[in-house]
C-alpha cells in the first residue's frame, strides 16, 4: 500500500480530485476572480507533475501546478496549495513566498537564465 495514502489521506484525496482536468477547470472557474478567468483558455489547462512543497512538510501539505494559456496566447502558471493547519501560523505568507520563489527558479532554469523578450524592453 502507498505510504503517503496512510500518512496523509487528505493530501492524497486532494491530489486525486484536482489532478483531473475537469475538476481543476471547475475549481479555477469558480474560485478565481471572474475577470481573471475570462482571460484564460481553460481548454489548454494541463497539470505539471512537479511539487514544490518542502520534503519535511509533505505529510501535511500537497500542491499542484497547472499551465494554462491566456486568450492572448501567453502561457501562465496557476499554483494550488492544500494544507491543513491546526494552528494560526504567522509565517504562512513567508512560506508561500518560498513556493513562488522555487517555481520562479525552475522557470528561470528552464529558460537557461536568459531574459524573456518582455523583460528586454526595460
C-alpha atoms as a PDB file:
ATOM      1  CA  UNK A   1       0.000   0.000   0.000  1.00  0.00           C
ATOM      2  CA  UNK A   2       1.160   3.558  -0.745  1.00  0.00           C
ATOM      3  CA  UNK A   3       2.814   5.014   2.368  1.00  0.00           C
ATOM      4  CA  UNK A   4       1.582   8.533   1.520  1.00  0.00           C
ATOM      5  CA  UNK A   5      -2.024   7.269   1.484  1.00  0.00           C
ATOM      6  CA  UNK A   6      -1.654   6.032   5.053  1.00  0.00           C
ATOM      7  CA  UNK A   7       0.183   9.050   6.433  1.00  0.00           C
ATOM      8  CA  UNK A   8      -1.752  11.764   4.627  1.00  0.00           C
ATOM      9  CA  UNK A   9      -5.150  10.714   3.260  1.00  0.00           C
ATOM     10  CA  UNK A  10      -6.321  14.349   2.892  1.00  0.00           C
ATOM     11  CA  UNK A  11      -3.423  15.341   0.644  1.00  0.00           C
ATOM     12  CA  UNK A  12      -3.850  12.131  -1.323  1.00  0.00           C
ATOM     13  CA  UNK A  13      -7.556  12.887  -1.858  1.00  0.00           C
ATOM     14  CA  UNK A  14      -6.719  16.458  -2.924  1.00  0.00           C
ATOM     15  CA  UNK A  15      -4.217  15.161  -5.485  1.00  0.00           C
ATOM     16  CA  UNK A  16      -6.628  12.577  -6.838  1.00  0.00           C
ATOM     17  CA  UNK A  17      -9.502  15.048  -7.248  1.00  0.00           C
ATOM     18  CA  UNK A  18      -7.625  18.053  -8.612  1.00  0.00           C
ATOM     19  CA  UNK A  19      -5.269  16.103 -10.882  1.00  0.00           C
ATOM     20  CA  UNK A  20      -8.364  15.558 -13.024  1.00  0.00           C
ATOM     21  CA  UNK A  21      -8.503  18.428 -15.542  1.00  0.00           C
ATOM     22  CA  UNK A  22     -12.311  18.686 -15.432  1.00  0.00           C
ATOM     23  CA  UNK A  23     -12.263  19.105 -11.647  1.00  0.00           C
ATOM     24  CA  UNK A  24      -9.387  21.592 -11.794  1.00  0.00           C
ATOM     25  CA  UNK A  25     -11.119  23.650 -14.514  1.00  0.00           C
ATOM     26  CA  UNK A  26     -14.311  23.726 -12.457  1.00  0.00           C
ATOM     27  CA  UNK A  27     -12.429  24.791  -9.319  1.00  0.00           C
ATOM     28  CA  UNK A  28     -10.494  27.522 -11.151  1.00  0.00           C
ATOM     29  CA  UNK A  29     -13.567  28.879 -12.924  1.00  0.00           C
ATOM     30  CA  UNK A  30     -15.491  29.145  -9.637  1.00  0.00           C
ATOM     31  CA  UNK A  31     -12.802  30.348  -7.218  1.00  0.00           C
ATOM     32  CA  UNK A  32     -10.521  32.636  -9.196  1.00  0.00           C
ATOM     33  CA  UNK A  33     -11.790  36.174  -9.782  1.00  0.00           C
ATOM     34  CA  UNK A  34     -14.129  36.244 -12.794  1.00  0.00           C
ATOM     35  CA  UNK A  35     -12.159  38.994 -14.546  1.00  0.00           C
ATOM     36  CA  UNK A  36      -9.064  36.718 -14.412  1.00  0.00           C
ATOM     37  CA  UNK A  37     -10.891  33.578 -15.525  1.00  0.00           C
ATOM     38  CA  UNK A  38     -12.350  35.423 -18.541  1.00  0.00           C
ATOM     39  CA  UNK A  39      -8.794  35.968 -19.816  1.00  0.00           C
ATOM     40  CA  UNK A  40      -7.931  32.241 -19.690  1.00  0.00           C
ATOM     41  CA  UNK A  41      -8.456  29.497 -22.240  1.00  0.00           C
ATOM     42  CA  UNK A  42      -9.283  26.748 -19.729  1.00  0.00           C
ATOM     43  CA  UNK A  43      -9.291  24.170 -22.551  1.00  0.00           C
ATOM     44  CA  UNK A  44      -5.478  24.453 -22.542  1.00  0.00           C
ATOM     45  CA  UNK A  45      -5.170  23.624 -18.824  1.00  0.00           C
ATOM     46  CA  UNK A  46      -2.512  20.969 -18.171  1.00  0.00           C
ATOM     47  CA  UNK A  47      -1.076  19.603 -14.941  1.00  0.00           C
ATOM     48  CA  UNK A  48       2.630  19.957 -14.195  1.00  0.00           C
ATOM     49  CA  UNK A  49       3.680  16.925 -12.107  1.00  0.00           C
ATOM     50  CA  UNK A  50       6.392  18.654 -10.049  1.00  0.00           C
ATOM     51  CA  UNK A  51       5.758  19.512  -6.383  1.00  0.00           C
ATOM     52  CA  UNK A  52       7.286  22.500  -4.605  1.00  0.00           C
ATOM     53  CA  UNK A  53       6.400  21.546  -1.032  1.00  0.00           C
ATOM     54  CA  UNK A  54       9.392  21.037   1.276  1.00  0.00           C
ATOM     55  CA  UNK A  55      10.026  17.341   1.841  1.00  0.00           C
ATOM     56  CA  UNK A  56       9.745  17.832   5.617  1.00  0.00           C
ATOM     57  CA  UNK A  57       6.240  19.308   5.150  1.00  0.00           C
ATOM     58  CA  UNK A  58       4.922  16.755   2.670  1.00  0.00           C
ATOM     59  CA  UNK A  59       2.977  14.913   5.361  1.00  0.00           C
ATOM     60  CA  UNK A  60       0.725  17.955   5.916  1.00  0.00           C
ATOM     61  CA  UNK A  61       0.703  19.639   2.512  1.00  0.00           C
ATOM     62  CA  UNK A  62       0.037  18.902  -1.120  1.00  0.00           C
ATOM     63  CA  UNK A  63       0.368  21.152  -4.136  1.00  0.00           C
ATOM     64  CA  UNK A  64      -0.384  21.249  -7.846  1.00  0.00           C
ATOM     65  CA  UNK A  65       0.887  23.499 -10.612  1.00  0.00           C
ATOM     66  CA  UNK A  66      -1.154  23.985 -13.762  1.00  0.00           C
ATOM     67  CA  UNK A  67      -0.147  25.559 -17.048  1.00  0.00           C
ATOM     68  CA  UNK A  68      -2.839  27.421 -18.957  1.00  0.00           C
ATOM     69  CA  UNK A  69      -2.799  29.799 -21.890  1.00  0.00           C
ATOM     70  CA  UNK A  70      -4.352  33.193 -21.750  1.00  0.00           C
ATOM     71  CA  UNK A  71      -6.664  34.039 -24.628  1.00  0.00           C
ATOM     72  CA  UNK A  72      -3.899  36.305 -25.958  1.00  0.00           C
ATOM     73  CA  UNK A  73      -1.682  33.192 -26.229  1.00  0.00           C
ATOM     74  CA  UNK A  74       0.746  33.708 -23.344  1.00  0.00           C
ATOM     75  CA  UNK A  75       1.152  30.719 -21.012  1.00  0.00           C
ATOM     76  CA  UNK A  76       0.847  31.262 -17.255  1.00  0.00           C
ATOM     77  CA  UNK A  77       1.039  29.058 -14.163  1.00  0.00           C
ATOM     78  CA  UNK A  78      -1.648  28.519 -11.530  1.00  0.00           C
ATOM     79  CA  UNK A  79      -0.446  27.160  -8.208  1.00  0.00           C
ATOM     80  CA  UNK A  80      -2.843  25.411  -5.821  1.00  0.00           C
ATOM     81  CA  UNK A  81      -1.631  24.527  -2.335  1.00  0.00           C
ATOM     82  CA  UNK A  82      -3.623  22.329   0.029  1.00  0.00           C
ATOM     83  CA  UNK A  83      -2.557  22.355   3.642  1.00  0.00           C
ATOM     84  CA  UNK A  84      -4.235  21.518   6.898  1.00  0.00           C
ATOM     85  CA  UNK A  85      -3.121  23.812   9.692  1.00  0.00           C
ATOM     86  CA  UNK A  86      -4.337  23.095  13.187  1.00  0.00           C
ATOM     87  CA  UNK A  87      -2.956  26.393  14.494  1.00  0.00           C
ATOM     88  CA  UNK A  88      -2.629  30.027  13.443  1.00  0.00           C
ATOM     89  CA  UNK A  89       0.660  30.321  11.557  1.00  0.00           C
ATOM     90  CA  UNK A  90       2.022  33.853  11.471  1.00  0.00           C
ATOM     91  CA  UNK A  91       4.664  32.822   8.908  1.00  0.00           C
ATOM     92  CA  UNK A  92       2.313  31.443   6.266  1.00  0.00           C
ATOM     93  CA  UNK A  93       2.952  34.319   3.817  1.00  0.00           C
ATOM     94  CA  UNK A  94       6.694  33.721   4.109  1.00  0.00           C
ATOM     95  CA  UNK A  95       6.073  30.020   3.444  1.00  0.00           C
ATOM     96  CA  UNK A  96       4.033  30.871   0.316  1.00  0.00           C
ATOM     97  CA  UNK A  97       6.756  33.230  -0.876  1.00  0.00           C
ATOM     98  CA  UNK A  98       9.188  30.301  -0.726  1.00  0.00           C
ATOM     99  CA  UNK A  99       6.970  28.284  -3.074  1.00  0.00           C
ATOM    100  CA  UNK A 100       6.686  31.190  -5.510  1.00  0.00           C
ATOM    101  CA  UNK A 101      10.479  31.571  -5.477  1.00  0.00           C
ATOM    102  CA  UNK A 102      11.004  27.818  -6.164  1.00  0.00           C
ATOM    103  CA  UNK A 103       8.548  27.901  -9.070  1.00  0.00           C
ATOM    104  CA  UNK A 104      10.232  31.026 -10.473  1.00  0.00           C
ATOM    105  CA  UNK A 105      13.695  29.480 -10.111  1.00  0.00           C
ATOM    106  CA  UNK A 106      12.576  26.395 -12.026  1.00  0.00           C
ATOM    107  CA  UNK A 107      11.130  28.566 -14.805  1.00  0.00           C
ATOM    108  CA  UNK A 108      14.355  30.588 -14.981  1.00  0.00           C
ATOM    109  CA  UNK A 109      16.439  27.402 -15.151  1.00  0.00           C
ATOM    110  CA  UNK A 110      14.229  26.016 -17.930  1.00  0.00           C
ATOM    111  CA  UNK A 111      14.898  29.198 -19.910  1.00  0.00           C
ATOM    112  CA  UNK A 112      18.637  28.884 -19.312  1.00  0.00           C
ATOM    113  CA  UNK A 113      18.629  32.027 -17.180  1.00  0.00           C
ATOM    114  CA  UNK A 114      18.016  34.140 -20.294  1.00  0.00           C
ATOM    115  CA  UNK A 115      15.822  37.199 -20.170  1.00  0.00           C
ATOM    116  CA  UNK A 116      12.484  36.899 -21.904  1.00  0.00           C
ATOM    117  CA  UNK A 117      11.562  39.200 -24.769  1.00  0.00           C
ATOM    118  CA  UNK A 118       9.219  41.124 -22.440  1.00  0.00           C
ATOM    119  CA  UNK A 119      11.946  41.801 -19.866  1.00  0.00           C
ATOM    120  CA  UNK A 120      14.380  43.076 -22.501  1.00  0.00           C
ATOM    121  CA  UNK A 121      12.182  46.113 -23.108  1.00  0.00           C
ATOM    122  CA  UNK A 122      13.081  47.561 -19.694  1.00  0.00           C
END
